[in-house]
């Protein structure tokens, strides 16, 4: 009986560990999608305002995004 409890406990711990890993991987992928949508939204806002300081902030965000995620976003021309 003790062996069954230990084996069941180990099985539960393995399932929980695998679940945590899957959740972390999916959140990382999901994060890129959220960042992509936010940047596209900010680019749309910039197109309306054309503020140079806002453009520089967006370019920094695009650089960081392009380093970590796919698809690549084209860098804005703030000039």
C-alpha atoms as a PDB file:
ATOM      1  CA  UNK A   1       0.000   0.000   0.000  1.00  0.00           C
ATOM      2  CA  UNK A   2       2.862   2.396   0.767  1.00  0.00           C
ATOM      3  CA  UNK A   3       4.407   1.675  -2.644  1.00  0.00           C
ATOM      4  CA  UNK A   4       1.143   2.615  -4.388  1.00  0.00           C
ATOM      5  CA  UNK A   5       0.921   5.934  -2.516  1.00  0.00           C
ATOM      6  CA  UNK A   6       4.552   6.777  -3.336  1.00  0.00           C
ATOM      7  CA  UNK A   7       4.148   5.876  -6.987  1.00  0.00           C
ATOM      8  CA  UNK A   8       0.901   7.875  -7.265  1.00  0.00           C
ATOM      9  CA  UNK A   9       2.556  10.860  -5.572  1.00  0.00           C
ATOM     10  CA  UNK A  10       5.505  10.676  -7.994  1.00  0.00           C
ATOM     11  CA  UNK A  11       3.150  10.467 -10.965  1.00  0.00           C
ATOM     12  CA  UNK A  12       1.255  13.533  -9.757  1.00  0.00           C
ATOM     13  CA  UNK A  13       4.501  15.480  -9.284  1.00  0.00           C
ATOM     14  CA  UNK A  14       5.671  14.546 -12.798  1.00  0.00           C
ATOM     15  CA  UNK A  15       2.348  15.634 -14.328  1.00  0.00           C
ATOM     16  CA  UNK A  16       2.443  18.941 -12.423  1.00  0.00           C
ATOM     17  CA  UNK A  17       6.053  19.562 -13.499  1.00  0.00           C
ATOM     18  CA  UNK A  18       5.287  18.898 -17.164  1.00  0.00           C
ATOM     19  CA  UNK A  19       2.192  21.124 -16.940  1.00  0.00           C
ATOM     20  CA  UNK A  20       4.236  24.002 -15.526  1.00  0.00           C
ATOM     21  CA  UNK A  21       6.809  23.671 -18.316  1.00  0.00           C
ATOM     22  CA  UNK A  22       4.085  23.638 -21.004  1.00  0.00           C
ATOM     23  CA  UNK A  23       2.410  26.695 -19.478  1.00  0.00           C
ATOM     24  CA  UNK A  24       5.692  28.635 -19.343  1.00  0.00           C
ATOM     25  CA  UNK A  25       6.497  27.817 -22.973  1.00  0.00           C
ATOM     26  CA  UNK A  26       3.019  28.812 -24.144  1.00  0.00           C
ATOM     27  CA  UNK A  27       3.169  32.086 -22.199  1.00  0.00           C
ATOM     28  CA  UNK A  28       6.478  32.938 -23.860  1.00  0.00           C
ATOM     29  CA  UNK A  29       5.011  32.378 -27.322  1.00  0.00           C
ATOM     30  CA  UNK A  30       1.824  34.213 -26.373  1.00  0.00           C
ATOM     31  CA  UNK A  31       3.855  37.131 -25.060  1.00  0.00           C
ATOM     32  CA  UNK A  32       5.392  37.709 -28.504  1.00  0.00           C
ATOM     33  CA  UNK A  33       1.922  37.834 -30.020  1.00  0.00           C
ATOM     34  CA  UNK A  34       0.752  40.368 -27.463  1.00  0.00           C
ATOM     35  CA  UNK A  35       3.872  42.520 -27.945  1.00  0.00           C
ATOM     36  CA  UNK A  36       3.372  42.391 -31.722  1.00  0.00           C
ATOM     37  CA  UNK A  37      -0.218  43.647 -31.439  1.00  0.00           C
ATOM     38  CA  UNK A  38       0.781  46.396 -28.992  1.00  0.00           C
ATOM     39  CA  UNK A  39       3.562  47.636 -31.276  1.00  0.00           C
ATOM     40  CA  UNK A  40       1.266  47.622 -34.320  1.00  0.00           C
ATOM     41  CA  UNK A  41      -1.285  49.597 -32.301  1.00  0.00           C
ATOM     42  CA  UNK A  42       1.388  52.118 -31.274  1.00  0.00           C
ATOM     43  CA  UNK A  43       2.524  52.471 -34.902  1.00  0.00           C
ATOM     44  CA  UNK A  44      -1.063  53.308 -35.864  1.00  0.00           C
ATOM     45  CA  UNK A  45      -1.174  55.927 -33.090  1.00  0.00           C
ATOM     46  CA  UNK A  46       2.147  57.352 -34.268  1.00  0.00           C
ATOM     47  CA  UNK A  47       0.843  57.648 -37.846  1.00  0.00           C
ATOM     48  CA  UNK A  48      -1.890  59.934 -36.482  1.00  0.00           C
ATOM     49  CA  UNK A  49       0.321  62.064 -34.203  1.00  0.00           C
ATOM     50  CA  UNK A  50       3.728  61.998 -35.990  1.00  0.00           C
ATOM     51  CA  UNK A  51       5.515  62.922 -32.732  1.00  0.00           C
ATOM     52  CA  UNK A  52       9.286  62.274 -33.124  1.00  0.00           C
ATOM     53  CA  UNK A  53       9.782  61.329 -29.450  1.00  0.00           C
ATOM     54  CA  UNK A  54       6.998  58.743 -29.655  1.00  0.00           C
ATOM     55  CA  UNK A  55       8.589  57.356 -32.821  1.00  0.00           C
ATOM     56  CA  UNK A  56      11.916  56.832 -31.044  1.00  0.00           C
ATOM     57  CA  UNK A  57      10.185  54.967 -28.220  1.00  0.00           C
ATOM     58  CA  UNK A  58       8.442  52.707 -30.734  1.00  0.00           C
ATOM     59  CA  UNK A  59      11.721  52.040 -32.572  1.00  0.00           C
ATOM     60  CA  UNK A  60      13.316  50.902 -29.288  1.00  0.00           C
ATOM     61  CA  UNK A  61      10.392  48.552 -28.665  1.00  0.00           C
ATOM     62  CA  UNK A  62      10.652  47.204 -32.216  1.00  0.00           C
ATOM     63  CA  UNK A  63      14.382  46.541 -31.759  1.00  0.00           C
ATOM     64  CA  UNK A  64      13.732  44.571 -28.565  1.00  0.00           C
ATOM     65  CA  UNK A  65      10.866  42.695 -30.177  1.00  0.00           C
ATOM     66  CA  UNK A  66      12.884  41.779 -33.275  1.00  0.00           C
ATOM     67  CA  UNK A  67      15.675  40.379 -31.072  1.00  0.00           C
ATOM     68  CA  UNK A  68      13.326  37.947 -29.310  1.00  0.00           C
ATOM     69  CA  UNK A  69      10.332  37.264 -31.540  1.00  0.00           C
ATOM     70  CA  UNK A  70       9.085  36.469 -35.029  1.00  0.00           C
ATOM     71  CA  UNK A  71       7.847  37.909 -37.389  1.00  0.00           C
ATOM     72  CA  UNK A  72      10.229  40.844 -37.662  1.00  0.00           C
ATOM     73  CA  UNK A  73       8.687  44.319 -37.628  1.00  0.00           C
ATOM     74  CA  UNK A  74      10.118  46.908 -39.990  1.00  0.00           C
ATOM     75  CA  UNK A  75      11.916  49.770 -38.229  1.00  0.00           C
ATOM     76  CA  UNK A  76      10.172  53.126 -38.525  1.00  0.00           C
ATOM     77  CA  UNK A  77      11.850  56.110 -40.166  1.00  0.00           C
ATOM     78  CA  UNK A  78      11.515  58.854 -37.576  1.00  0.00           C
ATOM     79  CA  UNK A  79      13.165  61.511 -39.752  1.00  0.00           C
END
